[in-house]
Amino acid sequence: MQLMKVTVTGLALLAGSMTAFAQGTGSEGYFQIHNNTANNIVVGFYTNDGNGWSDNWLADALAPDEVAEAEFLADTGNCDQTLQIGWLGDDGSEVMDDPISIDICAASNVYMDDNEVYYD
C-alpha cells in the first residue's frame, strides 16, 4: 500500500500560491486533485496498483472548486495505477465513477469535471 498525504485547500488559497504548488509536482510525488464540477462533491479518491484498492486518500469531502494536494511516495508503490473517484449521491451514498488508468508519478494534476476525469 502506498503512503499518502492529502490536504484540502480553497481555490483562493490555491490561486495565491500556485507557484509554490507547481514546484515539486509529478515526479516529486506531489499532485493536485481538482474538483472542477459545478455541483458535485468528491467523497472518495482510490487507487489500485494491481494488489487491490487503496483506502480513501481524502480525509474530507472535496466541494466544487476545491483543490486537494496529495503526495504519492513512489518508492513504496507502482506508478501505474487505476484511479476511481467516489461522488456524493443524492441519498448520501458514495457513487463510484468509472476507473481510469493513471501514471500517478507523472501526474501533476488530476481533474474531475462533470463528465470526465483526467490528469496531466
N, C-alpha and C. Protein backbone atom coordinates (compact mmCIF):
# COMPACT_ATOMS: atom_id res chain seq x y z
N MET A 1 0.84 -1.18 0.00
CA MET A 1 0.00 0.00 0.00
C MET A 1 0.89 1.24 0.00
N GLN A 2 0.51 2.25 -0.76
CA GLN A 2 1.28 3.47 -0.84
C GLN A 2 1.03 4.34 0.39
N LEU A 3 2.04 5.10 0.77
CA LEU A 3 1.85 6.12 1.78
C LEU A 3 1.35 7.35 1.07
N MET A 4 0.44 8.07 1.69
CA MET A 4 -0.14 9.22 1.02
C MET A 4 -0.49 10.30 2.02
N LYS A 5 -0.60 11.51 1.52
CA LYS A 5 -0.98 12.64 2.34
C LYS A 5 -1.84 13.53 1.46
N VAL A 6 -2.98 13.96 1.98
CA VAL A 6 -3.86 14.83 1.21
C VAL A 6 -4.25 16.01 2.08
N THR A 7 -4.16 17.20 1.50
CA THR A 7 -4.55 18.41 2.18
C THR A 7 -5.51 19.17 1.28
N VAL A 8 -6.68 19.54 1.80
CA VAL A 8 -7.65 20.30 1.02
C VAL A 8 -7.41 21.78 1.24
N THR A 9 -7.42 22.52 0.13
CA THR A 9 -7.27 23.96 0.20
C THR A 9 -8.37 24.62 -0.61
N GLY A 10 -8.75 25.81 -0.25
CA GLY A 10 -9.74 26.56 -1.00
C GLY A 10 -9.13 27.11 -2.27
N LEU A 11 -9.96 27.43 -3.22
CA LEU A 11 -9.50 27.93 -4.51
C LEU A 11 -8.74 29.24 -4.34
N ALA A 12 -9.18 30.11 -3.45
CA ALA A 12 -8.50 31.39 -3.26
C ALA A 12 -7.08 31.17 -2.74
N LEU A 13 -6.91 30.27 -1.81
CA LEU A 13 -5.59 29.97 -1.29
C LEU A 13 -4.72 29.39 -2.38
N LEU A 14 -5.27 28.51 -3.18
CA LEU A 14 -4.51 27.91 -4.26
C LEU A 14 -4.05 28.96 -5.26
N ALA A 15 -4.92 29.87 -5.62
CA ALA A 15 -4.58 30.89 -6.61
C ALA A 15 -3.42 31.75 -6.11
N GLY A 16 -3.40 32.02 -4.82
CA GLY A 16 -2.35 32.86 -4.26
C GLY A 16 -1.02 32.16 -4.16
N SER A 17 -1.01 30.85 -4.21
CA SER A 17 0.25 30.13 -4.03
C SER A 17 0.51 29.12 -5.14
N MET A 18 0.01 29.37 -6.33
CA MET A 18 0.16 28.44 -7.45
C MET A 18 1.63 28.16 -7.75
N THR A 19 2.47 29.16 -7.62
CA THR A 19 3.89 28.95 -7.91
C THR A 19 4.49 27.95 -6.94
N ALA A 20 4.16 28.06 -5.67
CA ALA A 20 4.68 27.12 -4.68
C ALA A 20 4.18 25.72 -4.94
N PHE A 21 2.92 25.58 -5.31
CA PHE A 21 2.37 24.25 -5.59
C PHE A 21 2.99 23.65 -6.84
N ALA A 22 3.33 24.47 -7.81
CA ALA A 22 3.87 23.96 -9.06
C ALA A 22 5.24 23.33 -8.86
N GLN A 23 5.95 23.76 -7.84
CA GLN A 23 7.25 23.18 -7.55
C GLN A 23 7.04 21.87 -6.81
N GLY A 24 7.70 20.83 -7.25
CA GLY A 24 7.61 19.56 -6.53
C GLY A 24 6.40 18.73 -6.89
N THR A 25 5.86 18.89 -8.09
CA THR A 25 4.73 18.07 -8.51
C THR A 25 5.23 16.95 -9.41
N GLY A 26 4.34 16.07 -9.78
CA GLY A 26 4.69 14.99 -10.71
C GLY A 26 5.71 14.05 -10.13
N SER A 27 6.91 14.05 -10.67
CA SER A 27 7.93 13.08 -10.28
C SER A 27 8.35 13.22 -8.82
N GLU A 28 8.12 14.36 -8.22
CA GLU A 28 8.44 14.55 -6.80
C GLU A 28 7.41 13.88 -5.90
N GLY A 29 6.30 13.42 -6.47
CA GLY A 29 5.28 12.72 -5.70
C GLY A 29 4.10 13.58 -5.29
N TYR A 30 4.17 14.89 -5.49
CA TYR A 30 3.06 15.77 -5.14
C TYR A 30 2.20 16.04 -6.36
N PHE A 31 0.90 16.07 -6.17
CA PHE A 31 -0.01 16.44 -7.24
C PHE A 31 -1.25 17.05 -6.64
N GLN A 32 -2.01 17.75 -7.47
CA GLN A 32 -3.23 18.43 -7.04
C GLN A 32 -4.44 17.66 -7.55
N ILE A 33 -5.47 17.59 -6.72
CA ILE A 33 -6.74 16.98 -7.09
C ILE A 33 -7.75 18.12 -7.19
N HIS A 34 -8.29 18.35 -8.38
CA HIS A 34 -9.18 19.49 -8.65
C HIS A 34 -10.62 19.01 -8.84
N ASN A 35 -11.55 19.52 -8.05
CA ASN A 35 -12.97 19.27 -8.29
C ASN A 35 -13.48 20.42 -9.14
N ASN A 36 -13.55 20.23 -10.44
CA ASN A 36 -13.98 21.26 -11.38
C ASN A 36 -15.47 21.20 -11.68
N THR A 37 -16.24 20.47 -10.89
CA THR A 37 -17.66 20.33 -11.16
C THR A 37 -18.42 21.54 -10.64
N ALA A 38 -19.64 21.71 -11.15
CA ALA A 38 -20.50 22.81 -10.71
C ALA A 38 -21.22 22.48 -9.41
N ASN A 39 -21.64 21.22 -9.24
CA ASN A 39 -22.49 20.89 -8.10
C ASN A 39 -22.16 19.56 -7.43
N ASN A 40 -21.13 18.87 -7.85
CA ASN A 40 -20.85 17.53 -7.33
C ASN A 40 -19.74 17.55 -6.29
N ILE A 41 -19.89 16.74 -5.26
CA ILE A 41 -18.93 16.66 -4.17
C ILE A 41 -18.17 15.34 -4.28
N VAL A 42 -16.85 15.43 -4.27
CA VAL A 42 -15.99 14.24 -4.29
C VAL A 42 -15.83 13.76 -2.86
N VAL A 43 -16.17 12.50 -2.62
CA VAL A 43 -16.02 11.93 -1.27
C VAL A 43 -14.99 10.81 -1.24
N GLY A 44 -14.53 10.36 -2.42
CA GLY A 44 -13.57 9.27 -2.45
C GLY A 44 -12.57 9.40 -3.57
N PHE A 45 -11.33 9.06 -3.29
CA PHE A 45 -10.24 9.05 -4.27
C PHE A 45 -9.45 7.79 -3.97
N TYR A 46 -9.53 6.80 -4.86
CA TYR A 46 -8.97 5.47 -4.62
C TYR A 46 -8.02 5.08 -5.75
N THR A 47 -6.97 4.38 -5.41
CA THR A 47 -6.04 3.86 -6.42
C THR A 47 -5.87 2.36 -6.23
N ASN A 48 -5.50 1.71 -7.34
CA ASN A 48 -5.26 0.27 -7.32
C ASN A 48 -4.03 0.00 -8.18
N ASP A 49 -3.01 -0.59 -7.59
CA ASP A 49 -1.78 -0.91 -8.33
C ASP A 49 -1.75 -2.36 -8.78
N GLY A 50 -2.90 -3.01 -8.73
CA GLY A 50 -2.98 -4.42 -9.10
C GLY A 50 -3.08 -5.33 -7.89
N ASN A 51 -2.91 -4.75 -6.71
CA ASN A 51 -2.97 -5.52 -5.47
C ASN A 51 -4.18 -5.17 -4.62
N GLY A 52 -5.19 -4.56 -5.24
CA GLY A 52 -6.40 -4.17 -4.51
C GLY A 52 -6.49 -2.67 -4.33
N TRP A 53 -7.69 -2.22 -4.00
CA TRP A 53 -7.96 -0.78 -3.87
C TRP A 53 -7.38 -0.22 -2.59
N SER A 54 -6.86 1.00 -2.69
CA SER A 54 -6.33 1.71 -1.53
C SER A 54 -7.48 2.16 -0.63
N ASP A 55 -7.13 2.59 0.56
CA ASP A 55 -8.08 3.32 1.38
C ASP A 55 -8.34 4.65 0.69
N ASN A 56 -9.38 5.34 1.11
CA ASN A 56 -9.71 6.65 0.57
C ASN A 56 -8.57 7.62 0.88
N TRP A 57 -8.04 8.27 -0.15
CA TRP A 57 -6.97 9.25 0.05
C TRP A 57 -7.50 10.52 0.71
N LEU A 58 -8.79 10.80 0.58
CA LEU A 58 -9.36 12.05 1.10
C LEU A 58 -9.84 11.89 2.53
N ALA A 59 -9.37 12.75 3.41
CA ALA A 59 -9.85 12.78 4.79
C ALA A 59 -11.17 13.55 4.86
N ASP A 60 -11.35 14.51 3.96
CA ASP A 60 -12.54 15.35 3.91
C ASP A 60 -13.08 15.37 2.49
N ALA A 61 -14.38 15.63 2.37
CA ALA A 61 -15.00 15.76 1.06
C ALA A 61 -14.40 16.96 0.33
N LEU A 62 -14.43 16.90 -0.99
CA LEU A 62 -13.90 17.96 -1.83
C LEU A 62 -15.07 18.60 -2.57
N ALA A 63 -15.46 19.79 -2.14
CA ALA A 63 -16.60 20.50 -2.72
C ALA A 63 -16.22 21.07 -4.09
N PRO A 64 -17.22 21.49 -4.88
CA PRO A 64 -16.92 22.12 -6.17
C PRO A 64 -15.94 23.28 -6.00
N ASP A 65 -15.00 23.37 -6.92
CA ASP A 65 -13.96 24.40 -6.96
C ASP A 65 -12.91 24.27 -5.86
N GLU A 66 -12.93 23.19 -5.09
CA GLU A 66 -11.87 22.97 -4.11
C GLU A 66 -10.76 22.14 -4.73
N VAL A 67 -9.59 22.28 -4.14
CA VAL A 67 -8.40 21.57 -4.59
C VAL A 67 -7.76 20.90 -3.39
N ALA A 68 -7.28 19.70 -3.57
CA ALA A 68 -6.54 19.00 -2.53
C ALA A 68 -5.13 18.72 -3.04
N GLU A 69 -4.16 18.84 -2.16
CA GLU A 69 -2.80 18.45 -2.50
C GLU A 69 -2.58 17.04 -1.97
N ALA A 70 -2.02 16.18 -2.81
CA ALA A 70 -1.75 14.80 -2.42
C ALA A 70 -0.28 14.48 -2.65
N GLU A 71 0.20 13.50 -1.92
CA GLU A 71 1.58 13.06 -2.07
C GLU A 71 1.59 11.55 -2.24
N PHE A 72 2.26 11.11 -3.30
CA PHE A 72 2.45 9.69 -3.56
C PHE A 72 3.93 9.40 -3.41
N LEU A 73 4.26 8.47 -2.55
CA LEU A 73 5.66 8.12 -2.34
C LEU A 73 6.00 6.96 -3.27
N ALA A 74 6.59 7.29 -4.41
CA ALA A 74 6.82 6.32 -5.49
C ALA A 74 7.67 5.14 -5.05
N ASP A 75 8.55 5.34 -4.09
CA ASP A 75 9.42 4.23 -3.69
C ASP A 75 8.66 3.15 -2.92
N THR A 76 7.41 3.42 -2.57
CA THR A 76 6.62 2.43 -1.84
C THR A 76 5.57 1.76 -2.71
N GLY A 77 5.48 2.13 -3.97
CA GLY A 77 4.43 1.54 -4.80
C GLY A 77 4.67 1.72 -6.28
N ASN A 78 3.83 1.09 -7.07
CA ASN A 78 3.87 1.11 -8.51
C ASN A 78 3.27 2.41 -9.03
N CYS A 79 3.95 3.08 -9.96
CA CYS A 79 3.43 4.34 -10.52
C CYS A 79 2.20 4.13 -11.39
N ASP A 80 2.11 2.98 -12.07
CA ASP A 80 0.95 2.68 -12.91
C ASP A 80 -0.20 2.23 -12.02
N GLN A 81 -1.22 3.06 -11.93
CA GLN A 81 -2.34 2.83 -11.04
C GLN A 81 -3.66 2.90 -11.81
N THR A 82 -4.68 2.32 -11.24
CA THR A 82 -6.05 2.55 -11.68
C THR A 82 -6.65 3.49 -10.65
N LEU A 83 -7.33 4.52 -11.12
CA LEU A 83 -7.91 5.54 -10.25
C LEU A 83 -9.42 5.47 -10.34
N GLN A 84 -10.08 5.59 -9.20
CA GLN A 84 -11.54 5.63 -9.19
C GLN A 84 -11.98 6.71 -8.21
N ILE A 85 -12.95 7.52 -8.65
CA ILE A 85 -13.48 8.62 -7.85
C ILE A 85 -14.84 8.25 -7.30
N GLY A 86 -15.09 8.60 -6.05
CA GLY A 86 -16.39 8.42 -5.42
C GLY A 86 -17.07 9.77 -5.26
N TRP A 87 -18.30 9.87 -5.72
CA TRP A 87 -19.09 11.11 -5.65
C TRP A 87 -20.18 10.96 -4.61
N LEU A 88 -20.58 12.06 -3.99
CA LEU A 88 -21.67 12.04 -3.03
C LEU A 88 -22.99 11.90 -3.78
N GLY A 89 -23.73 10.83 -3.50
CA GLY A 89 -25.02 10.59 -4.14
C GLY A 89 -26.12 11.39 -3.46
N ASP A 90 -27.26 11.51 -4.14
CA ASP A 90 -28.40 12.26 -3.61
C ASP A 90 -28.88 11.70 -2.27
N ASP A 91 -28.70 10.40 -2.07
CA ASP A 91 -29.15 9.76 -0.83
C ASP A 91 -28.05 9.69 0.23
N GLY A 92 -26.91 10.35 -0.03
CA GLY A 92 -25.80 10.35 0.92
C GLY A 92 -24.82 9.22 0.71
N SER A 93 -25.10 8.33 -0.24
CA SER A 93 -24.20 7.21 -0.51
C SER A 93 -23.04 7.67 -1.40
N GLU A 94 -22.06 6.81 -1.55
CA GLU A 94 -20.94 7.07 -2.44
C GLU A 94 -21.21 6.41 -3.79
N VAL A 95 -21.20 7.20 -4.86
CA VAL A 95 -21.43 6.70 -6.21
C VAL A 95 -20.08 6.67 -6.92
N MET A 96 -19.67 5.47 -7.35
CA MET A 96 -18.35 5.29 -7.94
C MET A 96 -18.35 5.60 -9.43
N ASP A 97 -17.36 6.38 -9.87
CA ASP A 97 -17.15 6.69 -11.28
C ASP A 97 -16.43 5.52 -11.94
N ASP A 98 -16.39 5.53 -13.27
CA ASP A 98 -15.64 4.50 -13.99
C ASP A 98 -14.15 4.67 -13.68
N PRO A 99 -13.43 3.59 -13.45
CA PRO A 99 -11.99 3.70 -13.19
C PRO A 99 -11.23 4.11 -14.45
N ILE A 100 -10.11 4.81 -14.25
CA ILE A 100 -9.22 5.19 -15.35
C ILE A 100 -7.80 4.78 -14.99
N SER A 101 -6.95 4.61 -16.00
CA SER A 101 -5.54 4.32 -15.78
C SER A 101 -4.79 5.63 -15.61
N ILE A 102 -3.79 5.63 -14.73
CA ILE A 102 -3.03 6.84 -14.46
C ILE A 102 -1.60 6.46 -14.10
N ASP A 103 -0.64 7.24 -14.61
CA ASP A 103 0.74 7.15 -14.14
C ASP A 103 0.84 8.18 -13.03
N ILE A 104 0.61 7.76 -11.82
CA ILE A 104 0.48 8.70 -10.71
C ILE A 104 1.78 9.43 -10.42
N CYS A 105 2.92 8.85 -10.79
CA CYS A 105 4.20 9.52 -10.58
C CYS A 105 4.41 10.67 -11.57
N ALA A 106 3.76 10.60 -12.73
CA ALA A 106 3.89 11.63 -13.75
C ALA A 106 2.80 12.70 -13.63
N ALA A 107 1.78 12.45 -12.83
CA ALA A 107 0.65 13.38 -12.72
C ALA A 107 1.02 14.58 -11.85
N SER A 108 0.74 15.76 -12.36
CA SER A 108 0.85 16.98 -11.56
C SER A 108 -0.52 17.43 -11.10
N ASN A 109 -1.54 17.11 -11.89
CA ASN A 109 -2.91 17.50 -11.59
C ASN A 109 -3.85 16.38 -11.99
N VAL A 110 -4.85 16.12 -11.16
CA VAL A 110 -5.96 15.22 -11.50
C VAL A 110 -7.21 16.09 -11.48
N TYR A 111 -7.92 16.12 -12.60
CA TYR A 111 -9.10 16.98 -12.75
C TYR A 111 -10.36 16.13 -12.77
N MET A 112 -11.35 16.53 -12.00
CA MET A 112 -12.64 15.87 -12.00
C MET A 112 -13.67 16.87 -12.49
N ASP A 113 -14.12 16.67 -13.73
CA ASP A 113 -15.15 17.51 -14.32
C ASP A 113 -16.48 16.77 -14.22
N ASP A 114 -17.56 17.41 -14.69
CA ASP A 114 -18.88 16.80 -14.57
C ASP A 114 -18.98 15.46 -15.30
N ASN A 115 -18.33 15.31 -16.44
CA ASN A 115 -18.44 14.06 -17.20
C ASN A 115 -17.09 13.47 -17.57
N GLU A 116 -16.04 13.83 -16.85
CA GLU A 116 -14.71 13.37 -17.24
C GLU A 116 -13.75 13.46 -16.06
N VAL A 117 -12.85 12.49 -15.96
CA VAL A 117 -11.74 12.53 -15.02
C VAL A 117 -10.48 12.36 -15.84
N TYR A 118 -9.51 13.28 -15.68
CA TYR A 118 -8.29 13.22 -16.47
C TYR A 118 -7.14 13.83 -15.67
N TYR A 119 -5.94 13.67 -16.19
CA TYR A 119 -4.77 14.19 -15.48
C TYR A 119 -3.73 14.70 -16.46
N ASP A 120 -2.83 15.53 -15.95
CA ASP A 120 -1.66 15.98 -16.73
C ASP A 120 -0.46 16.04 -15.82
